[in-house]
Amino acid sequence: MGGTVGVRGTQTRWSEFNWWGDPEAVEVVLSAGLDIRLVPLDVTRRIVVPGDAVRALREAGHTDDEARFWADALGFYMDFHRGYEGLDGCVVNDPLAVALAADQSLATWRDMRIGISVSDDERRGAIILDAVGGAAARVATTVRAGDVLTLITHRVFTPWLTDALVRRGAEQAAKWLEEHPQ
C-alpha cells in the first residue's frame, strides 16, 4: 500500500505519506525485481469505516475490551479525517492491501512501469509513470469497496457491527470523493 497515481496525495499534492517519508526505501524495493502489486490512495480512499460504525464500537467497548481496542484505533483516524477533511468516518488504507492479498478479484489491476521521485522538493515520493528503467508493477485501479468492507466486517467486526452498517462506508466514500474532486 502506498503512493498515488491520479488523486491528491496526503503529504504533498503528489505524494502519499509513506512514499514521501522514505522514497529511497521504495526505490530499493522497486529495483529489487520483485512481483510488485501496488494499492495506491486512488483505491484506498474508497474504503471508509463510517462514523456510525466507529460510534457503535465505542458503545460496545464499554463492556468489551476488544471492541474498545478497535474503537480507539479507528476513532483516532476518524477524528483526524473529520478535522482534516470533514469526513465522518475513517479511511482504512492498509486493510485494503491485506484484503487484496487475500482476494485479488476484489480489484481491477493495470500493468504499469513506475519509478519514484527521491527529490527533496514537493514531488518527493511521487510516483513516476512510464519511468525509464522503472519497475513493472500491477496497480489496483478500481476496487469493489462494498465487498471489501463486507470481508473486513466478517473477519474483524462481526461481534459488534452489521454488514449493512459498515458497507455504508463505500457509499459515503464515493459521495465524499465526488464532492471533493482532486
N, C-alpha and C. Protein backbone atom coordinates (compact mmCIF):
# COMPACT_ATOMS: atom_id res chain seq x y z
N MET A 1 0.85 -1.17 0.00
CA MET A 1 0.00 0.00 0.00
C MET A 1 0.89 1.22 0.00
N GLY A 2 0.59 2.11 -0.90
CA GLY A 2 1.33 3.36 -0.90
C GLY A 2 1.26 4.06 -2.22
N GLY A 3 1.68 5.30 -2.20
CA GLY A 3 1.72 6.09 -3.42
C GLY A 3 0.35 6.58 -3.86
N THR A 4 0.39 7.38 -4.90
CA THR A 4 -0.83 7.89 -5.52
C THR A 4 -0.57 8.06 -7.00
N VAL A 5 -1.52 7.64 -7.80
CA VAL A 5 -1.37 7.73 -9.26
C VAL A 5 -2.12 8.93 -9.80
N GLY A 6 -3.41 9.05 -9.48
CA GLY A 6 -4.21 10.11 -10.08
C GLY A 6 -5.01 10.94 -9.10
N VAL A 7 -4.79 10.74 -7.80
CA VAL A 7 -5.51 11.53 -6.80
C VAL A 7 -4.50 12.32 -5.97
N ARG A 8 -5.00 13.31 -5.26
CA ARG A 8 -4.15 14.14 -4.41
C ARG A 8 -3.50 13.27 -3.32
N GLY A 9 -2.25 13.55 -3.05
CA GLY A 9 -1.54 12.84 -2.00
C GLY A 9 -1.94 13.31 -0.62
N THR A 10 -1.43 12.64 0.38
CA THR A 10 -1.72 13.01 1.77
C THR A 10 -0.63 13.89 2.37
N GLN A 11 0.57 13.83 1.80
CA GLN A 11 1.69 14.63 2.33
C GLN A 11 1.93 15.88 1.47
N THR A 12 1.96 15.70 0.17
CA THR A 12 2.01 16.81 -0.78
C THR A 12 0.96 16.51 -1.84
N ARG A 13 0.79 17.41 -2.77
CA ARG A 13 -0.17 17.20 -3.85
C ARG A 13 0.09 15.88 -4.58
N TRP A 14 1.37 15.48 -4.67
CA TRP A 14 1.75 14.31 -5.47
C TRP A 14 2.17 13.11 -4.64
N SER A 15 2.31 13.26 -3.33
CA SER A 15 2.93 12.20 -2.53
C SER A 15 2.04 11.73 -1.39
N GLU A 16 1.97 10.44 -1.28
CA GLU A 16 1.31 9.77 -0.15
C GLU A 16 2.34 9.70 0.98
N PHE A 17 1.89 9.75 2.22
CA PHE A 17 2.78 9.87 3.38
C PHE A 17 3.89 8.83 3.40
N ASN A 18 3.58 7.55 3.24
CA ASN A 18 4.60 6.50 3.36
C ASN A 18 5.69 6.66 2.30
N TRP A 19 5.29 6.93 1.06
CA TRP A 19 6.28 7.05 -0.01
C TRP A 19 7.07 8.36 0.13
N TRP A 20 6.44 9.41 0.64
CA TRP A 20 7.12 10.67 0.87
C TRP A 20 8.16 10.50 1.97
N GLY A 21 7.82 9.74 3.03
CA GLY A 21 8.68 9.58 4.19
C GLY A 21 9.99 8.88 3.88
N ASP A 22 9.98 7.93 2.95
CA ASP A 22 11.21 7.19 2.66
C ASP A 22 11.20 6.71 1.21
N PRO A 23 11.29 7.65 0.26
CA PRO A 23 11.28 7.24 -1.14
C PRO A 23 12.51 6.41 -1.52
N GLU A 24 13.59 6.59 -0.77
CA GLU A 24 14.79 5.80 -1.07
C GLU A 24 14.52 4.31 -0.80
N ALA A 25 13.79 4.00 0.25
CA ALA A 25 13.43 2.60 0.53
C ALA A 25 12.50 2.07 -0.55
N VAL A 26 11.55 2.90 -0.99
CA VAL A 26 10.65 2.49 -2.07
C VAL A 26 11.46 2.19 -3.33
N GLU A 27 12.45 3.03 -3.61
CA GLU A 27 13.30 2.84 -4.78
C GLU A 27 14.04 1.50 -4.71
N VAL A 28 14.51 1.14 -3.52
CA VAL A 28 15.20 -0.16 -3.33
C VAL A 28 14.23 -1.30 -3.64
N VAL A 29 13.00 -1.22 -3.10
CA VAL A 29 12.01 -2.27 -3.33
C VAL A 29 11.66 -2.35 -4.82
N LEU A 30 11.46 -1.20 -5.45
CA LEU A 30 11.09 -1.20 -6.86
C LEU A 30 12.19 -1.77 -7.74
N SER A 31 13.43 -1.60 -7.35
CA SER A 31 14.55 -2.09 -8.18
C SER A 31 14.98 -3.50 -7.81
N ALA A 32 14.29 -4.16 -6.90
CA ALA A 32 14.70 -5.49 -6.42
C ALA A 32 14.23 -6.64 -7.31
N GLY A 33 13.46 -6.34 -8.35
CA GLY A 33 13.00 -7.41 -9.23
C GLY A 33 11.86 -8.23 -8.66
N LEU A 34 11.13 -7.68 -7.72
CA LEU A 34 10.02 -8.39 -7.07
C LEU A 34 8.75 -8.29 -7.90
N ASP A 35 7.80 -9.14 -7.58
CA ASP A 35 6.46 -9.07 -8.16
C ASP A 35 5.72 -7.96 -7.40
N ILE A 36 5.66 -6.78 -7.98
CA ILE A 36 5.09 -5.61 -7.31
C ILE A 36 3.60 -5.53 -7.60
N ARG A 37 2.81 -5.50 -6.55
CA ARG A 37 1.37 -5.24 -6.62
C ARG A 37 1.12 -4.02 -5.76
N LEU A 38 0.72 -2.95 -6.38
CA LEU A 38 0.60 -1.67 -5.69
C LEU A 38 -0.87 -1.33 -5.46
N VAL A 39 -1.16 -0.93 -4.23
CA VAL A 39 -2.50 -0.50 -3.83
C VAL A 39 -2.37 0.97 -3.41
N PRO A 40 -2.60 1.90 -4.36
CA PRO A 40 -2.40 3.32 -4.08
C PRO A 40 -3.62 3.98 -3.45
N LEU A 41 -3.45 5.25 -3.05
CA LEU A 41 -4.56 6.03 -2.49
C LEU A 41 -5.76 6.08 -3.44
N ASP A 42 -5.52 5.97 -4.73
CA ASP A 42 -6.61 6.03 -5.70
C ASP A 42 -7.73 5.04 -5.36
N VAL A 43 -7.37 3.90 -4.79
CA VAL A 43 -8.39 2.92 -4.40
C VAL A 43 -8.61 2.87 -2.89
N THR A 44 -7.57 3.13 -2.09
CA THR A 44 -7.77 3.02 -0.64
C THR A 44 -8.73 4.07 -0.12
N ARG A 45 -8.80 5.22 -0.78
CA ARG A 45 -9.72 6.28 -0.34
C ARG A 45 -11.18 5.87 -0.47
N ARG A 46 -11.45 4.74 -1.09
CA ARG A 46 -12.82 4.25 -1.25
C ARG A 46 -13.25 3.31 -0.13
N ILE A 47 -12.32 3.01 0.78
CA ILE A 47 -12.60 2.07 1.87
C ILE A 47 -12.70 2.87 3.17
N VAL A 48 -13.93 3.19 3.56
CA VAL A 48 -14.18 4.00 4.74
C VAL A 48 -15.04 3.22 5.72
N VAL A 49 -14.58 3.14 6.96
CA VAL A 49 -15.43 2.65 8.05
C VAL A 49 -16.21 3.87 8.51
N PRO A 50 -17.54 3.86 8.35
CA PRO A 50 -18.33 5.06 8.66
C PRO A 50 -18.32 5.41 10.14
N GLY A 51 -18.54 6.70 10.40
CA GLY A 51 -18.56 7.19 11.77
C GLY A 51 -19.56 6.45 12.64
N ASP A 52 -20.73 6.11 12.10
CA ASP A 52 -21.73 5.37 12.89
C ASP A 52 -21.18 4.02 13.35
N ALA A 53 -20.36 3.39 12.53
CA ALA A 53 -19.78 2.10 12.92
C ALA A 53 -18.75 2.29 14.05
N VAL A 54 -17.94 3.33 13.95
CA VAL A 54 -16.96 3.60 15.00
C VAL A 54 -17.67 3.94 16.30
N ARG A 55 -18.74 4.72 16.21
CA ARG A 55 -19.50 5.05 17.42
C ARG A 55 -20.15 3.79 18.02
N ALA A 56 -20.60 2.87 17.19
CA ALA A 56 -21.16 1.61 17.70
C ALA A 56 -20.07 0.78 18.40
N LEU A 57 -18.86 0.80 17.86
CA LEU A 57 -17.74 0.12 18.52
C LEU A 57 -17.43 0.76 19.86
N ARG A 58 -17.50 2.08 19.92
CA ARG A 58 -17.25 2.77 21.20
C ARG A 58 -18.29 2.35 22.23
N GLU A 59 -19.53 2.25 21.81
CA GLU A 59 -20.60 1.82 22.72
C GLU A 59 -20.34 0.39 23.20
N ALA A 60 -20.01 -0.51 22.26
CA ALA A 60 -19.72 -1.90 22.64
C ALA A 60 -18.48 -1.98 23.52
N GLY A 61 -17.57 -1.03 23.36
CA GLY A 61 -16.34 -1.01 24.13
C GLY A 61 -16.52 -0.74 25.61
N HIS A 62 -17.71 -0.30 25.99
CA HIS A 62 -17.97 -0.10 27.43
C HIS A 62 -17.90 -1.43 28.19
N THR A 63 -18.22 -2.52 27.50
CA THR A 63 -18.23 -3.83 28.16
C THR A 63 -17.33 -4.87 27.48
N ASP A 64 -16.69 -4.51 26.37
CA ASP A 64 -15.89 -5.46 25.60
C ASP A 64 -14.54 -4.82 25.26
N ASP A 65 -13.46 -5.39 25.81
CA ASP A 65 -12.13 -4.81 25.62
C ASP A 65 -11.69 -4.82 24.15
N GLU A 66 -12.04 -5.86 23.42
CA GLU A 66 -11.63 -5.92 22.01
C GLU A 66 -12.36 -4.85 21.19
N ALA A 67 -13.64 -4.66 21.44
CA ALA A 67 -14.38 -3.59 20.77
C ALA A 67 -13.78 -2.24 21.11
N ARG A 68 -13.39 -2.06 22.35
CA ARG A 68 -12.76 -0.79 22.77
C ARG A 68 -11.44 -0.58 22.03
N PHE A 69 -10.66 -1.65 21.85
CA PHE A 69 -9.41 -1.55 21.09
C PHE A 69 -9.69 -1.02 19.69
N TRP A 70 -10.65 -1.64 18.98
CA TRP A 70 -10.96 -1.21 17.62
C TRP A 70 -11.54 0.19 17.60
N ALA A 71 -12.37 0.53 18.57
CA ALA A 71 -12.95 1.88 18.64
C ALA A 71 -11.85 2.92 18.83
N ASP A 72 -10.90 2.63 19.70
CA ASP A 72 -9.82 3.57 19.94
C ASP A 72 -8.94 3.74 18.69
N ALA A 73 -8.59 2.63 18.06
CA ALA A 73 -7.74 2.68 16.86
C ALA A 73 -8.43 3.43 15.73
N LEU A 74 -9.67 3.06 15.44
CA LEU A 74 -10.39 3.71 14.35
C LEU A 74 -10.82 5.12 14.72
N GLY A 75 -11.14 5.34 15.99
CA GLY A 75 -11.54 6.67 16.44
C GLY A 75 -10.45 7.71 16.23
N PHE A 76 -9.21 7.32 16.44
CA PHE A 76 -8.09 8.22 16.21
C PHE A 76 -8.10 8.71 14.76
N TYR A 77 -8.27 7.77 13.81
CA TYR A 77 -8.28 8.14 12.40
C TYR A 77 -9.56 8.88 12.02
N MET A 78 -10.66 8.50 12.63
CA MET A 78 -11.91 9.20 12.35
C MET A 78 -11.80 10.66 12.77
N ASP A 79 -11.24 10.91 13.95
CA ASP A 79 -11.07 12.28 14.41
C ASP A 79 -10.18 13.07 13.45
N PHE A 80 -9.12 12.43 12.97
CA PHE A 80 -8.24 13.08 12.01
C PHE A 80 -9.00 13.43 10.73
N HIS A 81 -9.71 12.44 10.16
CA HIS A 81 -10.41 12.68 8.89
C HIS A 81 -11.51 13.73 9.05
N ARG A 82 -12.19 13.72 10.16
CA ARG A 82 -13.24 14.73 10.39
C ARG A 82 -12.62 16.12 10.45
N GLY A 83 -11.56 16.26 11.22
CA GLY A 83 -10.93 17.57 11.36
C GLY A 83 -10.20 18.04 10.12
N TYR A 84 -9.57 17.13 9.41
CA TYR A 84 -8.73 17.48 8.26
C TYR A 84 -9.54 17.69 7.00
N GLU A 85 -10.61 16.87 6.82
CA GLU A 85 -11.32 16.94 5.55
C GLU A 85 -12.84 16.82 5.66
N GLY A 86 -13.36 16.84 6.86
CA GLY A 86 -14.80 16.82 7.02
C GLY A 86 -15.46 15.50 6.73
N LEU A 87 -14.73 14.41 6.79
CA LEU A 87 -15.27 13.07 6.53
C LEU A 87 -15.66 12.42 7.86
N ASP A 88 -16.92 12.00 8.00
CA ASP A 88 -17.37 11.33 9.21
C ASP A 88 -17.14 9.83 9.07
N GLY A 89 -15.93 9.43 9.29
CA GLY A 89 -15.52 8.04 9.17
C GLY A 89 -14.01 8.01 9.06
N CYS A 90 -13.48 6.82 8.84
CA CYS A 90 -12.03 6.73 8.69
C CYS A 90 -11.67 5.86 7.50
N VAL A 91 -10.74 6.36 6.72
CA VAL A 91 -10.20 5.61 5.60
C VAL A 91 -9.29 4.54 6.19
N VAL A 92 -9.46 3.30 5.75
CA VAL A 92 -8.62 2.21 6.26
C VAL A 92 -7.78 1.69 5.09
N ASN A 93 -6.67 2.38 4.85
CA ASN A 93 -5.79 2.08 3.72
C ASN A 93 -5.20 0.67 3.76
N ASP A 94 -4.51 0.36 4.84
CA ASP A 94 -3.77 -0.90 4.90
C ASP A 94 -4.66 -2.13 4.87
N PRO A 95 -5.83 -2.13 5.51
CA PRO A 95 -6.69 -3.31 5.40
C PRO A 95 -7.09 -3.64 3.96
N LEU A 96 -7.16 -2.62 3.10
CA LEU A 96 -7.46 -2.92 1.70
C LEU A 96 -6.33 -3.73 1.08
N ALA A 97 -5.09 -3.36 1.36
CA ALA A 97 -3.97 -4.12 0.81
C ALA A 97 -4.01 -5.57 1.29
N VAL A 98 -4.35 -5.78 2.55
CA VAL A 98 -4.47 -7.14 3.08
C VAL A 98 -5.62 -7.89 2.39
N ALA A 99 -6.75 -7.21 2.24
CA ALA A 99 -7.90 -7.84 1.57
C ALA A 99 -7.55 -8.24 0.14
N LEU A 100 -6.82 -7.39 -0.56
CA LEU A 100 -6.46 -7.71 -1.95
C LEU A 100 -5.40 -8.79 -2.04
N ALA A 101 -4.59 -8.93 -1.00
CA ALA A 101 -3.66 -10.07 -0.97
C ALA A 101 -4.44 -11.36 -0.80
N ALA A 102 -5.54 -11.30 -0.04
CA ALA A 102 -6.38 -12.49 0.17
C ALA A 102 -7.25 -12.78 -1.05
N ASP A 103 -7.71 -11.75 -1.75
CA ASP A 103 -8.61 -11.95 -2.89
C ASP A 103 -8.39 -10.84 -3.92
N GLN A 104 -7.52 -11.12 -4.88
CA GLN A 104 -7.17 -10.12 -5.90
C GLN A 104 -8.34 -9.74 -6.78
N SER A 105 -9.38 -10.59 -6.83
CA SER A 105 -10.52 -10.30 -7.69
C SER A 105 -11.37 -9.13 -7.17
N LEU A 106 -11.09 -8.64 -5.97
CA LEU A 106 -11.83 -7.51 -5.43
C LEU A 106 -11.41 -6.19 -6.07
N ALA A 107 -10.39 -6.22 -6.93
CA ALA A 107 -9.92 -5.00 -7.60
C ALA A 107 -9.69 -5.31 -9.08
N THR A 108 -9.61 -4.25 -9.86
CA THR A 108 -9.09 -4.39 -11.22
C THR A 108 -7.67 -3.86 -11.18
N TRP A 109 -6.84 -4.44 -12.02
CA TRP A 109 -5.41 -4.16 -11.98
C TRP A 109 -4.95 -3.72 -13.37
N ARG A 110 -3.96 -2.85 -13.39
CA ARG A 110 -3.37 -2.40 -14.65
C ARG A 110 -1.86 -2.52 -14.53
N ASP A 111 -1.27 -3.09 -15.55
CA ASP A 111 0.19 -3.18 -15.58
C ASP A 111 0.78 -1.82 -15.93
N MET A 112 1.75 -1.39 -15.13
CA MET A 112 2.40 -0.10 -15.33
C MET A 112 3.90 -0.26 -15.10
N ARG A 113 4.65 0.68 -15.60
CA ARG A 113 6.08 0.79 -15.30
C ARG A 113 6.24 2.04 -14.47
N ILE A 114 6.70 1.87 -13.22
CA ILE A 114 6.75 3.00 -12.29
C ILE A 114 8.13 3.19 -11.68
N GLY A 115 8.38 4.42 -11.32
CA GLY A 115 9.55 4.80 -10.55
C GLY A 115 9.09 5.73 -9.44
N ILE A 116 10.02 6.28 -8.71
CA ILE A 116 9.68 7.19 -7.61
C ILE A 116 10.66 8.36 -7.59
N SER A 117 10.13 9.52 -7.28
CA SER A 117 10.97 10.71 -7.14
C SER A 117 11.61 10.70 -5.75
N VAL A 118 12.94 10.80 -5.73
CA VAL A 118 13.67 10.88 -4.47
C VAL A 118 14.17 12.31 -4.23
N SER A 119 13.57 13.26 -4.92
CA SER A 119 13.96 14.66 -4.77
C SER A 119 13.60 15.18 -3.39
N ASP A 120 14.08 16.34 -3.07
CA ASP A 120 13.74 16.98 -1.80
C ASP A 120 12.75 18.13 -1.99
N ASP A 121 12.05 18.14 -3.11
CA ASP A 121 11.07 19.20 -3.35
C ASP A 121 9.66 18.64 -3.15
N GLU A 122 8.65 19.37 -3.61
CA GLU A 122 7.26 18.95 -3.40
C GLU A 122 6.89 17.65 -4.11
N ARG A 123 7.74 17.18 -5.00
CA ARG A 123 7.47 15.91 -5.69
C ARG A 123 8.13 14.72 -5.00
N ARG A 124 8.77 14.93 -3.88
CA ARG A 124 9.39 13.83 -3.13
C ARG A 124 8.35 12.75 -2.88
N GLY A 125 8.67 11.51 -3.23
CA GLY A 125 7.77 10.38 -3.01
C GLY A 125 6.71 10.20 -4.07
N ALA A 126 6.71 11.05 -5.09
CA ALA A 126 5.71 10.93 -6.16
C ALA A 126 6.02 9.75 -7.07
N ILE A 127 4.99 9.07 -7.49
CA ILE A 127 5.15 8.00 -8.48
C ILE A 127 5.46 8.63 -9.83
N ILE A 128 6.43 8.07 -10.51
CA ILE A 128 6.76 8.48 -11.88
C ILE A 128 6.22 7.40 -12.79
N LEU A 129 5.21 7.74 -13.57
CA LEU A 129 4.61 6.78 -14.50
C LEU A 129 5.47 6.66 -15.75
N ASP A 130 5.49 5.46 -16.32
CA ASP A 130 6.27 5.18 -17.53
C ASP A 130 7.74 5.57 -17.35
N ALA A 131 8.26 5.34 -16.17
CA ALA A 131 9.64 5.70 -15.85
C ALA A 131 10.61 4.83 -16.63
N VAL A 132 11.58 5.47 -17.26
CA VAL A 132 12.63 4.74 -17.97
C VAL A 132 13.38 3.90 -16.92
N GLY A 133 13.44 2.61 -17.14
CA GLY A 133 14.08 1.73 -16.18
C GLY A 133 13.25 1.48 -14.94
N GLY A 134 11.99 1.93 -14.95
CA GLY A 134 11.11 1.73 -13.80
C GLY A 134 10.73 0.28 -13.61
N ALA A 135 10.11 0.00 -12.51
CA ALA A 135 9.70 -1.37 -12.16
C ALA A 135 8.36 -1.70 -12.81
N ALA A 136 8.25 -2.93 -13.25
CA ALA A 136 6.95 -3.42 -13.70
C ALA A 136 6.10 -3.65 -12.46
N ALA A 137 4.89 -3.11 -12.48
CA ALA A 137 4.01 -3.23 -11.32
C ALA A 137 2.58 -3.45 -11.79
N ARG A 138 1.85 -4.25 -11.02
CA ARG A 138 0.40 -4.36 -11.20
C ARG A 138 -0.21 -3.40 -10.21
N VAL A 139 -0.98 -2.44 -10.71
CA VAL A 139 -1.50 -1.37 -9.87
C VAL A 139 -3.02 -1.49 -9.81
N ALA A 140 -3.55 -1.52 -8.61
CA ALA A 140 -5.01 -1.55 -8.43
C ALA A 140 -5.56 -0.21 -8.88
N THR A 141 -6.56 -0.26 -9.78
CA THR A 141 -7.12 0.97 -10.32
C THR A 141 -8.57 1.18 -9.91
N THR A 142 -9.30 0.12 -9.63
CA THR A 142 -10.65 0.21 -9.09
C THR A 142 -10.79 -0.87 -8.03
N VAL A 143 -11.78 -0.71 -7.18
CA VAL A 143 -11.99 -1.68 -6.12
C VAL A 143 -13.48 -1.84 -5.88
N ARG A 144 -13.89 -3.04 -5.55
CA ARG A 144 -15.28 -3.29 -5.16
C ARG A 144 -15.37 -3.00 -3.66
N ALA A 145 -15.53 -1.72 -3.36
CA ALA A 145 -15.42 -1.23 -1.98
C ALA A 145 -16.41 -1.91 -1.04
N GLY A 146 -17.66 -2.05 -1.45
CA GLY A 146 -18.65 -2.68 -0.58
C GLY A 146 -18.26 -4.10 -0.23
N ASP A 147 -17.74 -4.84 -1.21
CA ASP A 147 -17.33 -6.22 -0.95
C ASP A 147 -16.12 -6.29 -0.04
N VAL A 148 -15.20 -5.34 -0.19
CA VAL A 148 -14.04 -5.29 0.71
C VAL A 148 -14.49 -5.01 2.13
N LEU A 149 -15.41 -4.06 2.29
CA LEU A 149 -15.90 -3.74 3.64
C LEU A 149 -16.65 -4.92 4.24
N THR A 150 -17.36 -5.68 3.41
CA THR A 150 -18.01 -6.90 3.90
C THR A 150 -16.97 -7.89 4.40
N LEU A 151 -15.91 -8.09 3.64
CA LEU A 151 -14.84 -9.01 4.04
C LEU A 151 -14.23 -8.57 5.37
N ILE A 152 -13.93 -7.29 5.50
CA ILE A 152 -13.36 -6.77 6.74
C ILE A 152 -14.32 -6.97 7.90
N THR A 153 -15.60 -6.68 7.66
CA THR A 153 -16.60 -6.86 8.72
C THR A 153 -16.65 -8.30 9.17
N HIS A 154 -16.69 -9.24 8.24
CA HIS A 154 -16.81 -10.65 8.59
C HIS A 154 -15.58 -11.17 9.33
N ARG A 155 -14.41 -10.64 8.99
CA ARG A 155 -13.17 -11.11 9.61
C ARG A 155 -12.84 -10.41 10.93
N VAL A 156 -13.36 -9.18 11.11
CA VAL A 156 -12.93 -8.40 12.27
C VAL A 156 -14.10 -7.95 13.15
N PHE A 157 -15.16 -7.42 12.56
CA PHE A 157 -16.16 -6.68 13.31
C PHE A 157 -17.47 -7.42 13.59
N THR A 158 -17.60 -8.66 13.16
CA THR A 158 -18.88 -9.38 13.30
C THR A 158 -19.46 -9.38 14.71
N PRO A 159 -18.67 -9.48 15.76
CA PRO A 159 -19.31 -9.50 17.09
C PRO A 159 -20.07 -8.21 17.43
N TRP A 160 -19.75 -7.09 16.75
CA TRP A 160 -20.31 -5.81 17.17
C TRP A 160 -21.05 -5.04 16.08
N LEU A 161 -20.70 -5.28 14.82
CA LEU A 161 -21.25 -4.46 13.74
C LEU A 161 -21.94 -5.31 12.69
N THR A 162 -22.93 -4.73 12.04
CA THR A 162 -23.60 -5.42 10.93
C THR A 162 -22.91 -5.09 9.62
N ASP A 163 -23.06 -5.99 8.69
CA ASP A 163 -22.52 -5.78 7.36
C ASP A 163 -23.11 -4.51 6.74
N ALA A 164 -24.42 -4.33 6.87
CA ALA A 164 -25.08 -3.17 6.27
C ALA A 164 -24.52 -1.85 6.82
N LEU A 165 -24.24 -1.81 8.11
CA LEU A 165 -23.71 -0.59 8.72
C LEU A 165 -22.34 -0.25 8.14
N VAL A 166 -21.46 -1.23 8.04
CA VAL A 166 -20.10 -0.97 7.58
C VAL A 166 -20.08 -0.72 6.07
N ARG A 167 -20.91 -1.43 5.31
CA ARG A 167 -20.94 -1.24 3.85
C ARG A 167 -21.32 0.19 3.46
N ARG A 168 -22.03 0.89 4.33
CA ARG A 168 -22.38 2.29 4.04
C ARG A 168 -21.13 3.13 3.81
N GLY A 169 -20.01 2.67 4.33
CA GLY A 169 -18.76 3.40 4.13
C GLY A 169 -18.36 3.52 2.68
N ALA A 170 -18.71 2.52 1.85
CA ALA A 170 -18.39 2.58 0.43
C ALA A 170 -19.18 3.70 -0.24
N GLU A 171 -20.45 3.81 0.10
CA GLU A 171 -21.29 4.88 -0.46
C GLU A 171 -20.81 6.24 0.06
N GLN A 172 -20.47 6.29 1.33
CA GLN A 172 -20.00 7.53 1.94
C GLN A 172 -18.72 8.00 1.27
N ALA A 173 -17.78 7.07 1.03
CA ALA A 173 -16.52 7.43 0.38
C ALA A 173 -16.77 7.93 -1.04
N ALA A 174 -17.61 7.23 -1.79
CA ALA A 174 -17.90 7.64 -3.16
C ALA A 174 -18.50 9.04 -3.19
N LYS A 175 -19.43 9.31 -2.29
CA LYS A 175 -20.06 10.63 -2.23
C LYS A 175 -19.04 11.69 -1.84
N TRP A 176 -18.21 11.40 -0.84
CA TRP A 176 -17.21 12.36 -0.40
C TRP A 176 -16.24 12.68 -1.53
N LEU A 177 -15.78 11.64 -2.25
CA LEU A 177 -14.83 11.86 -3.35
C LEU A 177 -15.47 12.67 -4.47
N GLU A 178 -16.75 12.45 -4.72
CA GLU A 178 -17.46 13.21 -5.74
C GLU A 178 -17.57 14.69 -5.34
N GLU A 179 -17.81 14.95 -4.06
CA GLU A 179 -17.96 16.31 -3.57
C GLU A 179 -16.62 17.03 -3.41
N HIS A 180 -15.52 16.26 -3.36
CA HIS A 180 -14.20 16.83 -3.16
C HIS A 180 -13.27 16.35 -4.28
N PRO A 181 -13.49 16.83 -5.49
CA PRO A 181 -12.66 16.35 -6.61
C PRO A 181 -11.20 16.71 -6.40
N GLN A 182 -10.39 15.84 -6.88
CA GLN A 182 -8.94 16.02 -6.73
C GLN A 182 -8.50 17.05 -7.69
